[in-house]
Amino acid sequence: MASTPSKLSVMHPVAALEGAGIETDIAPRPTSLDGLKVGLIWNRKRGGDAILEQVGTMLRDRFSDVRLTTYEGSIPTPSDMLDRAAEECDVVVGSSSD
């Protein structure tokens, strides 16, 4: 018995931007995170904290003397928090999850 092909609808998986969009160049990347301070910014979306916790564990396992600081923001993350993280840390990792 021949099967009938199914129809698949593909949706554009990009969410609408909240707030003003700002385009910037990619930040310079260090060659290693050994001895650096890494900021982990959670915007309080469900699941993002769990991902950042796992990222922190992986960073501690891979790099020596990496120091982690977690920042809890909101949607959108306040500019002053982003500025503070940029001043206090060598590298910042942000998460957004659902």
PDB file of N, CA and C in Angstrom:
ATOM      1  N   MET A   1       0.846  -1.178   0.000  1.00  0.00           N
ATOM      2  CA  MET A   1       0.000   0.000   0.000  1.00  0.00           C
ATOM      3  C   MET A   1       0.892   1.243   0.000  1.00  0.00           C
ATOM      4  N   ALA A   2       0.684   2.146  -0.903  1.00  0.00           N
ATOM      5  CA  ALA A   2       1.471   3.371  -1.008  1.00  0.00           C
ATOM      6  C   ALA A   2       1.011   4.372   0.047  1.00  0.00           C
ATOM      7  N   SER A   3       1.989   5.069   0.636  1.00  0.00           N
ATOM      8  CA  SER A   3       1.630   6.086   1.636  1.00  0.00           C
ATOM      9  C   SER A   3       1.468   7.439   0.965  1.00  0.00           C
ATOM     10  N   THR A   4       0.625   8.257   1.539  1.00  0.00           N
ATOM     11  CA  THR A   4       0.386   9.596   1.034  1.00  0.00           C
ATOM     12  C   THR A   4       1.386  10.539   1.676  1.00  0.00           C
ATOM     13  N   PRO A   5       2.086  11.357   0.880  1.00  0.00           N
ATOM     14  CA  PRO A   5       3.050  12.281   1.479  1.00  0.00           C
ATOM     15  C   PRO A   5       2.348  13.248   2.443  1.00  0.00           C
ATOM     16  N   SER A   6       3.047  13.548   3.524  1.00  0.00           N
ATOM     17  CA  SER A   6       2.531  14.507   4.502  1.00  0.00           C
ATOM     18  C   SER A   6       2.955  15.911   4.114  1.00  0.00           C
ATOM     19  N   LYS A   7       2.203  16.866   4.531  1.00  0.00           N
ATOM     20  CA  LYS A   7       2.540  18.265   4.285  1.00  0.00           C
ATOM     21  C   LYS A   7       3.169  18.832   5.554  1.00  0.00           C
ATOM     22  N   LEU A   8       4.288  19.504   5.407  1.00  0.00           N
ATOM     23  CA  LEU A   8       5.003  20.091   6.527  1.00  0.00           C
ATOM     24  C   LEU A   8       5.014  21.602   6.381  1.00  0.00           C
ATOM     25  N   SER A   9       4.549  22.296   7.396  1.00  0.00           N
ATOM     26  CA  SER A   9       4.594  23.766   7.395  1.00  0.00           C
ATOM     27  C   SER A   9       5.821  24.210   8.171  1.00  0.00           C
ATOM     28  N   VAL A  10       6.602  25.091   7.592  1.00  0.00           N
ATOM     29  CA  VAL A  10       7.800  25.598   8.244  1.00  0.00           C
ATOM     30  C   VAL A  10       7.552  27.043   8.642  1.00  0.00           C
ATOM     31  N   MET A  11       7.793  27.324   9.913  1.00  0.00           N
ATOM     32  CA  MET A  11       7.598  28.670  10.440  1.00  0.00           C
ATOM     33  C   MET A  11       8.964  29.335  10.601  1.00  0.00           C
ATOM     34  N   HIS A  12       9.011  30.625  10.519  1.00  0.00           N
ATOM     35  CA  HIS A  12      10.244  31.385  10.742  1.00  0.00           C
ATOM     36  C   HIS A  12      10.501  31.391  12.253  1.00  0.00           C
ATOM     37  N   PRO A  13      11.623  30.775  12.731  1.00  0.00           N
ATOM     38  CA  PRO A  13      11.824  30.594  14.174  1.00  0.00           C
ATOM     39  C   PRO A  13      12.452  31.778  14.910  1.00  0.00           C
ATOM     40  N   VAL A  14      12.339  32.974  14.388  1.00  0.00           N
ATOM     41  CA  VAL A  14      12.959  34.130  15.023  1.00  0.00           C
ATOM     42  C   VAL A  14      11.881  34.974  15.690  1.00  0.00           C
ATOM     43  N   ALA A  15      12.061  35.223  16.961  1.00  0.00           N
ATOM     44  CA  ALA A  15      11.088  36.022  17.705  1.00  0.00           C
ATOM     45  C   ALA A  15      11.232  37.497  17.358  1.00  0.00           C
ATOM     46  N   ALA A  16      10.163  38.226  17.525  1.00  0.00           N
ATOM     47  CA  ALA A  16      10.201  39.671  17.307  1.00  0.00           C
ATOM     48  C   ALA A  16      11.079  40.311  18.382  1.00  0.00           C
ATOM     49  N   LEU A  17      11.835  41.306  17.995  1.00  0.00           N
ATOM     50  CA  LEU A  17      12.721  42.008  18.903  1.00  0.00           C
ATOM     51  C   LEU A  17      11.919  42.872  19.863  1.00  0.00           C
ATOM     52  N   GLU A  18      12.254  42.771  21.156  1.00  0.00           N
ATOM     53  CA  GLU A  18      11.629  43.645  22.149  1.00  0.00           C
ATOM     54  C   GLU A  18      12.572  44.802  22.420  1.00  0.00           C
ATOM     55  N   GLY A  19      12.078  46.006  22.384  1.00  0.00           N
ATOM     56  CA  GLY A  19      12.909  47.172  22.647  1.00  0.00           C
ATOM     57  C   GLY A  19      13.678  47.590  21.397  1.00  0.00           C
ATOM     58  N   ALA A  20      14.545  48.558  21.572  1.00  0.00           N
ATOM     59  CA  ALA A  20      15.325  49.092  20.457  1.00  0.00           C
ATOM     60  C   ALA A  20      16.475  48.151  20.135  1.00  0.00           C
ATOM     61  N   GLY A  21      16.608  47.805  18.875  1.00  0.00           N
ATOM     62  CA  GLY A  21      17.705  46.951  18.450  1.00  0.00           C
ATOM     63  C   GLY A  21      18.954  47.777  18.190  1.00  0.00           C
ATOM     64  N   ILE A  22      20.076  47.279  18.649  1.00  0.00           N
ATOM     65  CA  ILE A  22      21.344  47.970  18.450  1.00  0.00           C
ATOM     66  C   ILE A  22      22.314  46.990  17.819  1.00  0.00           C
ATOM     67  N   GLU A  23      22.884  47.355  16.688  1.00  0.00           N
ATOM     68  CA  GLU A  23      23.872  46.508  16.036  1.00  0.00           C
ATOM     69  C   GLU A  23      25.260  46.960  16.439  1.00  0.00           C
ATOM     70  N   THR A  24      26.104  45.987  16.796  1.00  0.00           N
ATOM     71  CA  THR A  24      27.486  46.283  17.158  1.00  0.00           C
ATOM     72  C   THR A  24      28.393  45.243  16.520  1.00  0.00           C
ATOM     73  N   ASP A  25      29.666  45.533  16.503  1.00  0.00           N
ATOM     74  CA  ASP A  25      30.638  44.566  16.019  1.00  0.00           C
ATOM     75  C   ASP A  25      30.805  43.466  17.065  1.00  0.00           C
ATOM     76  N   ILE A  26      31.302  42.326  16.628  1.00  0.00           N
ATOM     77  CA  ILE A  26      31.571  41.216  17.540  1.00  0.00           C
ATOM     78  C   ILE A  26      32.701  41.624  18.473  1.00  0.00           C
ATOM     79  N   ALA A  27      32.538  41.328  19.759  1.00  0.00           N
ATOM     80  CA  ALA A  27      33.564  41.654  20.749  1.00  0.00           C
ATOM     81  C   ALA A  27      34.793  40.781  20.532  1.00  0.00           C
ATOM     82  N   PRO A  28      35.972  41.299  20.851  1.00  0.00           N
ATOM     83  CA  PRO A  28      37.182  40.483  20.717  1.00  0.00           C
ATOM     84  C   PRO A  28      37.113  39.273  21.653  1.00  0.00           C
ATOM     85  N   ARG A  29      37.635  38.144  21.219  1.00  0.00           N
ATOM     86  CA  ARG A  29      37.622  36.910  21.990  1.00  0.00           C
ATOM     87  C   ARG A  29      39.003  36.636  22.573  1.00  0.00           C
ATOM     88  N   PRO A  30      39.090  36.301  23.868  1.00  0.00           N
ATOM     89  CA  PRO A  30      40.396  35.920  24.429  1.00  0.00           C
ATOM     90  C   PRO A  30      40.790  34.534  23.915  1.00  0.00           C
ATOM     91  N   THR A  31      42.075  34.238  23.902  1.00  0.00           N
ATOM     92  CA  THR A  31      42.536  32.929  23.445  1.00  0.00           C
ATOM     93  C   THR A  31      42.270  31.849  24.487  1.00  0.00           C
ATOM     94  N   SER A  32      42.113  32.238  25.760  1.00  0.00           N
ATOM     95  CA  SER A  32      41.834  31.291  26.838  1.00  0.00           C
ATOM     96  C   SER A  32      41.050  32.022  27.929  1.00  0.00           C
ATOM     97  N   LEU A  33      40.324  31.265  28.731  1.00  0.00           N
ATOM     98  CA  LEU A  33      39.615  31.845  29.880  1.00  0.00           C
ATOM     99  C   LEU A  33      40.354  31.567  31.189  1.00  0.00           C
ATOM    100  N   ASP A  34      41.539  30.957  31.113  1.00  0.00           N
ATOM    101  CA  ASP A  34      42.329  30.698  32.315  1.00  0.00           C
ATOM    102  C   ASP A  34      42.569  31.995  33.075  1.00  0.00           C
ATOM    103  N   GLY A  35      42.198  32.010  34.351  1.00  0.00           N
ATOM    104  CA  GLY A  35      42.441  33.167  35.210  1.00  0.00           C
ATOM    105  C   GLY A  35      41.531  34.357  34.974  1.00  0.00           C
ATOM    106  N   LEU A  36      40.546  34.242  34.102  1.00  0.00           N
ATOM    107  CA  LEU A  36      39.663  35.369  33.803  1.00  0.00           C
ATOM    108  C   LEU A  36      38.391  35.320  34.632  1.00  0.00           C
ATOM    109  N   LYS A  37      37.752  36.472  34.749  1.00  0.00           N
ATOM    110  CA  LYS A  37      36.463  36.567  35.425  1.00  0.00           C
ATOM    111  C   LYS A  37      35.374  36.545  34.362  1.00  0.00           C
ATOM    112  N   VAL A  38      34.432  35.601  34.500  1.00  0.00           N
ATOM    113  CA  VAL A  38      33.371  35.416  33.526  1.00  0.00           C
ATOM    114  C   VAL A  38      32.028  35.752  34.173  1.00  0.00           C
ATOM    115  N   GLY A  39      31.291  36.644  33.551  1.00  0.00           N
ATOM    116  CA  GLY A  39      29.951  36.990  34.016  1.00  0.00           C
ATOM    117  C   GLY A  39      28.917  36.128  33.311  1.00  0.00           C
ATOM    118  N   LEU A  40      27.948  35.637  34.071  1.00  0.00           N
ATOM    119  CA  LEU A  40      26.847  34.848  33.535  1.00  0.00           C
ATOM    120  C   LEU A  40      25.574  35.650  33.744  1.00  0.00           C
ATOM    121  N   ILE A  41      24.964  36.127  32.666  1.00  0.00           N
ATOM    122  CA  ILE A  41      23.785  36.992  32.778  1.00  0.00           C
ATOM    123  C   ILE A  41      22.530  36.205  32.409  1.00  0.00           C
ATOM    124  N   TRP A  42      21.618  36.103  33.361  1.00  0.00           N
ATOM    125  CA  TRP A  42      20.340  35.425  33.166  1.00  0.00           C
ATOM    126  C   TRP A  42      19.251  36.491  33.099  1.00  0.00           C
ATOM    127  N   ASN A  43      18.435  36.443  32.048  1.00  0.00           N
ATOM    128  CA  ASN A  43      17.369  37.437  31.908  1.00  0.00           C
ATOM    129  C   ASN A  43      16.058  36.970  32.546  1.00  0.00           C
ATOM    130  N   ARG A  44      16.135  35.907  33.350  1.00  0.00           N
ATOM    131  CA  ARG A  44      15.029  35.348  34.135  1.00  0.00           C
ATOM    132  C   ARG A  44      14.000  34.600  33.290  1.00  0.00           C
ATOM    133  N   LYS A  45      14.316  34.318  32.034  1.00  0.00           N
ATOM    134  CA  LYS A  45      13.432  33.449  31.253  1.00  0.00           C
ATOM    135  C   LYS A  45      13.624  32.017  31.724  1.00  0.00           C
ATOM    136  N   ARG A  46      12.521  31.278  31.757  1.00  0.00           N
ATOM    137  CA  ARG A  46      12.515  29.912  32.268  1.00  0.00           C
ATOM    138  C   ARG A  46      13.589  29.059  31.583  1.00  0.00           C
ATOM    139  N   GLY A  47      14.382  28.374  32.380  1.00  0.00           N
ATOM    140  CA  GLY A  47      15.397  27.463  31.876  1.00  0.00           C
ATOM    141  C   GLY A  47      16.767  28.081  31.682  1.00  0.00           C
ATOM    142  N   GLY A  48      16.833  29.394  31.561  1.00  0.00           N
ATOM    143  CA  GLY A  48      18.118  30.049  31.330  1.00  0.00           C
ATOM    144  C   GLY A  48      19.087  29.886  32.483  1.00  0.00           C
ATOM    145  N   ASP A  49      18.573  29.870  33.705  1.00  0.00           N
ATOM    146  CA  ASP A  49      19.440  29.692  34.873  1.00  0.00           C
ATOM    147  C   ASP A  49      20.083  28.309  34.879  1.00  0.00           C
ATOM    148  N   ALA A  50      19.321  27.286  34.489  1.00  0.00           N
ATOM    149  CA  ALA A  50      19.861  25.928  34.439  1.00  0.00           C
ATOM    150  C   ALA A  50      20.967  25.816  33.392  1.00  0.00           C
ATOM    151  N   ILE A  51      20.762  26.473  32.252  1.00  0.00           N
ATOM    152  CA  ILE A  51      21.786  26.452  31.199  1.00  0.00           C
ATOM    153  C   ILE A  51      23.048  27.150  31.682  1.00  0.00           C
ATOM    154  N   LEU A  52      22.894  28.312  32.315  1.00  0.00           N
ATOM    155  CA  LEU A  52      24.073  29.040  32.792  1.00  0.00           C
ATOM    156  C   LEU A  52      24.804  28.267  33.881  1.00  0.00           C
ATOM    157  N   GLU A  53      24.072  27.558  34.718  1.00  0.00           N
ATOM    158  CA  GLU A  53      24.716  26.728  35.747  1.00  0.00           C
ATOM    159  C   GLU A  53      25.581  25.654  35.085  1.00  0.00           C
ATOM    160  N   GLN A  54      25.054  25.039  34.034  1.00  0.00           N
ATOM    161  CA  GLN A  54      25.819  24.021  33.301  1.00  0.00           C
ATOM    162  C   GLN A  54      27.028  24.644  32.604  1.00  0.00           C
ATOM    163  N   VAL A  55      26.843  25.828  32.016  1.00  0.00           N
ATOM    164  CA  VAL A  55      27.972  26.531  31.383  1.00  0.00           C
ATOM    165  C   VAL A  55      29.056  26.799  32.422  1.00  0.00           C
ATOM    166  N   GLY A  56      28.664  27.256  33.610  1.00  0.00           N
ATOM    167  CA  GLY A  56      29.627  27.519  34.674  1.00  0.00           C
ATOM    168  C   GLY A  56      30.405  26.268  35.062  1.00  0.00           C
ATOM    169  N   THR A  57      29.711  25.148  35.190  1.00  0.00           N
ATOM    170  CA  THR A  57      30.369  23.882  35.517  1.00  0.00           C
ATOM    171  C   THR A  57      31.373  23.499  34.440  1.00  0.00           C
ATOM    172  N   MET A  58      30.974  23.636  33.193  1.00  0.00           N
ATOM    173  CA  MET A  58      31.858  23.285  32.083  1.00  0.00           C
ATOM    174  C   MET A  58      33.085  24.210  32.031  1.00  0.00           C
ATOM    175  N   LEU A  59      32.890  25.490  32.326  1.00  0.00           N
ATOM    176  CA  LEU A  59      34.017  26.425  32.332  1.00  0.00           C
ATOM    177  C   LEU A  59      35.002  26.086  33.445  1.00  0.00           C
ATOM    178  N   ARG A  60      34.476  25.766  34.645  1.00  0.00           N
ATOM    179  CA  ARG A  60      35.357  25.395  35.768  1.00  0.00           C
ATOM    180  C   ARG A  60      36.148  24.115  35.455  1.00  0.00           C
ATOM    181  N   ASP A  61      35.505  23.185  34.749  1.00  0.00           N
ATOM    182  CA  ASP A  61      36.178  21.928  34.396  1.00  0.00           C
ATOM    183  C   ASP A  61      37.252  22.135  33.337  1.00  0.00           C
ATOM    184  N   ARG A  62      37.056  23.095  32.470  1.00  0.00           N
ATOM    185  CA  ARG A  62      37.956  23.259  31.323  1.00  0.00           C
ATOM    186  C   ARG A  62      39.092  24.255  31.551  1.00  0.00           C
ATOM    187  N   PHE A  63      38.844  25.294  32.353  1.00  0.00           N
ATOM    188  CA  PHE A  63      39.835  26.356  32.520  1.00  0.00           C
ATOM    189  C   PHE A  63      40.291  26.459  33.967  1.00  0.00           C
ATOM    190  N   SER A  64      41.552  26.820  34.153  1.00  0.00           N
ATOM    191  CA  SER A  64      42.077  26.953  35.510  1.00  0.00           C
ATOM    192  C   SER A  64      41.827  28.360  36.049  1.00  0.00           C
ATOM    193  N   ASP A  65      41.448  28.410  37.305  1.00  0.00           N
ATOM    194  CA  ASP A  65      41.253  29.664  38.033  1.00  0.00           C
ATOM    195  C   ASP A  65      40.250  30.604  37.359  1.00  0.00           C
ATOM    196  N   VAL A  66      39.243  30.059  36.672  1.00  0.00           N
ATOM    197  CA  VAL A  66      38.193  30.908  36.108  1.00  0.00           C
ATOM    198  C   VAL A  66      37.260  31.294  37.257  1.00  0.00           C
ATOM    199  N   ARG A  67      36.914  32.556  37.327  1.00  0.00           N
ATOM    200  CA  ARG A  67      36.030  33.062  38.385  1.00  0.00           C
ATOM    201  C   ARG A  67      34.701  33.472  37.770  1.00  0.00           C
ATOM    202  N   LEU A  68      33.604  33.000  38.352  1.00  0.00           N
ATOM    203  CA  LEU A  68      32.276  33.226  37.802  1.00  0.00           C
ATOM    204  C   LEU A  68      31.457  34.150  38.684  1.00  0.00           C
ATOM    205  N   THR A  69      30.721  35.057  38.054  1.00  0.00           N
ATOM    206  CA  THR A  69      29.768  35.921  38.745  1.00  0.00           C
ATOM    207  C   THR A  69      28.459  35.854  37.984  1.00  0.00           C
ATOM    208  N   THR A  70      27.366  35.585  38.703  1.00  0.00           N
ATOM    209  CA  THR A  70      26.052  35.505  38.071  1.00  0.00           C
ATOM    210  C   THR A  70      25.291  36.803  38.293  1.00  0.00           C
ATOM    211  N   TYR A  71      24.659  37.277  37.237  1.00  0.00           N
ATOM    212  CA  TYR A  71      23.833  38.478  37.281  1.00  0.00           C
ATOM    213  C   TYR A  71      22.414  38.081  36.902  1.00  0.00           C
ATOM    214  N   GLU A  72      21.429  38.464  37.706  1.00  0.00           N
ATOM    215  CA  GLU A  72      20.030  38.172  37.394  1.00  0.00           C
ATOM    216  C   GLU A  72      19.362  39.440  36.917  1.00  0.00           C
ATOM    217  N   GLY A  73      18.976  39.443  35.667  1.00  0.00           N
ATOM    218  CA  GLY A  73      18.370  40.624  35.066  1.00  0.00           C
ATOM    219  C   GLY A  73      16.875  40.487  34.928  1.00  0.00           C
ATOM    220  N   SER A  74      16.376  40.986  33.845  1.00  0.00           N
ATOM    221  CA  SER A  74      14.958  40.933  33.510  1.00  0.00           C
ATOM    222  C   SER A  74      14.871  41.041  31.994  1.00  0.00           C
ATOM    223  N   ILE A  75      13.663  41.131  31.465  1.00  0.00           N
ATOM    224  CA  ILE A  75      13.484  41.278  30.024  1.00  0.00           C
ATOM    225  C   ILE A  75      12.946  42.669  29.744  1.00  0.00           C
ATOM    226  N   PRO A  76      13.664  43.517  29.071  1.00  0.00           N
ATOM    227  CA  PRO A  76      15.057  43.356  28.679  1.00  0.00           C
ATOM    228  C   PRO A  76      15.976  43.549  29.887  1.00  0.00           C
ATOM    229  N   THR A  77      17.186  43.041  29.772  1.00  0.00           N
ATOM    230  CA  THR A  77      18.160  43.212  30.851  1.00  0.00           C
ATOM    231  C   THR A  77      18.523  44.685  30.946  1.00  0.00           C
ATOM    232  N   PRO A  78      18.463  45.254  32.162  1.00  0.00           N
ATOM    233  CA  PRO A  78      18.756  46.682  32.317  1.00  0.00           C
ATOM    234  C   PRO A  78      20.162  47.056  31.842  1.00  0.00           C
ATOM    235  N   SER A  79      20.262  48.179  31.189  1.00  0.00           N
ATOM    236  CA  SER A  79      21.548  48.659  30.667  1.00  0.00           C
ATOM    237  C   SER A  79      22.591  48.806  31.761  1.00  0.00           C
ATOM    238  N   ASP A  80      22.175  49.273  32.948  1.00  0.00           N
ATOM    239  CA  ASP A  80      23.155  49.457  34.020  1.00  0.00           C
ATOM    240  C   ASP A  80      23.743  48.115  34.471  1.00  0.00           C
ATOM    241  N   MET A  81      22.955  47.053  34.424  1.00  0.00           N
ATOM    242  CA  MET A  81      23.473  45.731  34.778  1.00  0.00           C
ATOM    243  C   MET A  81      24.466  45.249  33.724  1.00  0.00           C
ATOM    244  N   LEU A  82      24.150  45.462  32.456  1.00  0.00           N
ATOM    245  CA  LEU A  82      25.074  45.087  31.391  1.00  0.00           C
ATOM    246  C   LEU A  82      26.373  45.873  31.501  1.00  0.00           C
ATOM    247  N   ASP A  83      26.265  47.164  31.796  1.00  0.00           N
ATOM    248  CA  ASP A  83      27.459  47.998  31.967  1.00  0.00           C
ATOM    249  C   ASP A  83      28.296  47.512  33.144  1.00  0.00           C
ATOM    250  N   ARG A  84      27.625  47.178  34.265  1.00  0.00           N
ATOM    251  CA  ARG A  84      28.337  46.697  35.455  1.00  0.00           C
ATOM    252  C   ARG A  84      29.063  45.384  35.150  1.00  0.00           C
ATOM    253  N   ALA A  85      28.386  44.464  34.471  1.00  0.00           N
ATOM    254  CA  ALA A  85      29.014  43.188  34.113  1.00  0.00           C
ATOM    255  C   ALA A  85      30.215  43.415  33.206  1.00  0.00           C
ATOM    256  N   ALA A  86      30.089  44.326  32.250  1.00  0.00           N
ATOM    257  CA  ALA A  86      31.196  44.624  31.341  1.00  0.00           C
ATOM    258  C   ALA A  86      32.387  45.208  32.089  1.00  0.00           C
ATOM    259  N   GLU A  87      32.135  46.025  33.100  1.00  0.00           N
ATOM    260  CA  GLU A  87      33.221  46.626  33.894  1.00  0.00           C
ATOM    261  C   GLU A  87      33.873  45.606  34.814  1.00  0.00           C
ATOM    262  N   GLU A  88      33.066  44.703  35.396  1.00  0.00           N
ATOM    263  CA  GLU A  88      33.555  43.771  36.414  1.00  0.00           C
ATOM    264  C   GLU A  88      34.154  42.495  35.830  1.00  0.00           C
ATOM    265  N   CYS A  89      33.840  42.162  34.591  1.00  0.00           N
ATOM    266  CA  CYS A  89      34.231  40.869  34.022  1.00  0.00           C
ATOM    267  C   CYS A  89      35.077  41.028  32.763  1.00  0.00           C
ATOM    268  N   ASP A  90      35.861  39.992  32.505  1.00  0.00           N
ATOM    269  CA  ASP A  90      36.648  39.961  31.272  1.00  0.00           C
ATOM    270  C   ASP A  90      35.811  39.463  30.099  1.00  0.00           C
ATOM    271  N   VAL A  91      34.876  38.555  30.390  1.00  0.00           N
ATOM    272  CA  VAL A  91      34.026  37.928  29.387  1.00  0.00           C
ATOM    273  C   VAL A  91      32.626  37.776  29.992  1.00  0.00           C
ATOM    274  N   VAL A  92      31.605  37.900  29.158  1.00  0.00           N
ATOM    275  CA  VAL A  92      30.230  37.739  29.632  1.00  0.00           C
ATOM    276  C   VAL A  92      29.495  36.759  28.737  1.00  0.00           C
ATOM    277  N   VAL A  93      28.725  35.850  29.386  1.00  0.00           N
ATOM    278  CA  VAL A  93      27.875  34.900  28.674  1.00  0.00           C
ATOM    279  C   VAL A  93      26.446  35.222  29.077  1.00  0.00           C
ATOM    280  N   GLY A  94      25.562  35.389  28.106  1.00  0.00           N
ATOM    281  CA  GLY A  94      24.157  35.657  28.399  1.00  0.00           C
ATOM    282  C   GLY A  94      23.295  34.499  27.952  1.00  0.00           C
ATOM    283  N   SER A  95      22.149  34.343  28.598  1.00  0.00           N
ATOM    284  CA  SER A  95      21.236  33.278  28.168  1.00  0.00           C
ATOM    285  C   SER A  95      19.830  33.819  27.990  1.00  0.00           C
ATOM    286  N   SER A  96      19.149  33.188  27.084  1.00  0.00           N
ATOM    287  CA  SER A  96      17.732  33.422  26.872  1.00  0.00           C
ATOM    288  C   SER A  96      17.149  32.052  26.595  1.00  0.00           C
ATOM    289  N   SER A  97      16.105  31.690  27.284  1.00  0.00           N
ATOM    290  CA  SER A  97      15.593  30.333  27.130  1.00  0.00           C
ATOM    291  C   SER A  97      14.087  30.318  27.342  1.00  0.00           C
ATOM    292  N   ASP A  98      13.465  29.264  26.924  1.00  0.00           N
ATOM    293  CA  ASP A  98      12.041  29.028  27.154  1.00  0.00           C
ATOM    294  C   ASP A  98      11.774  27.551  27.132  1.00  0.00           C
TER     295      ASP A  98
END
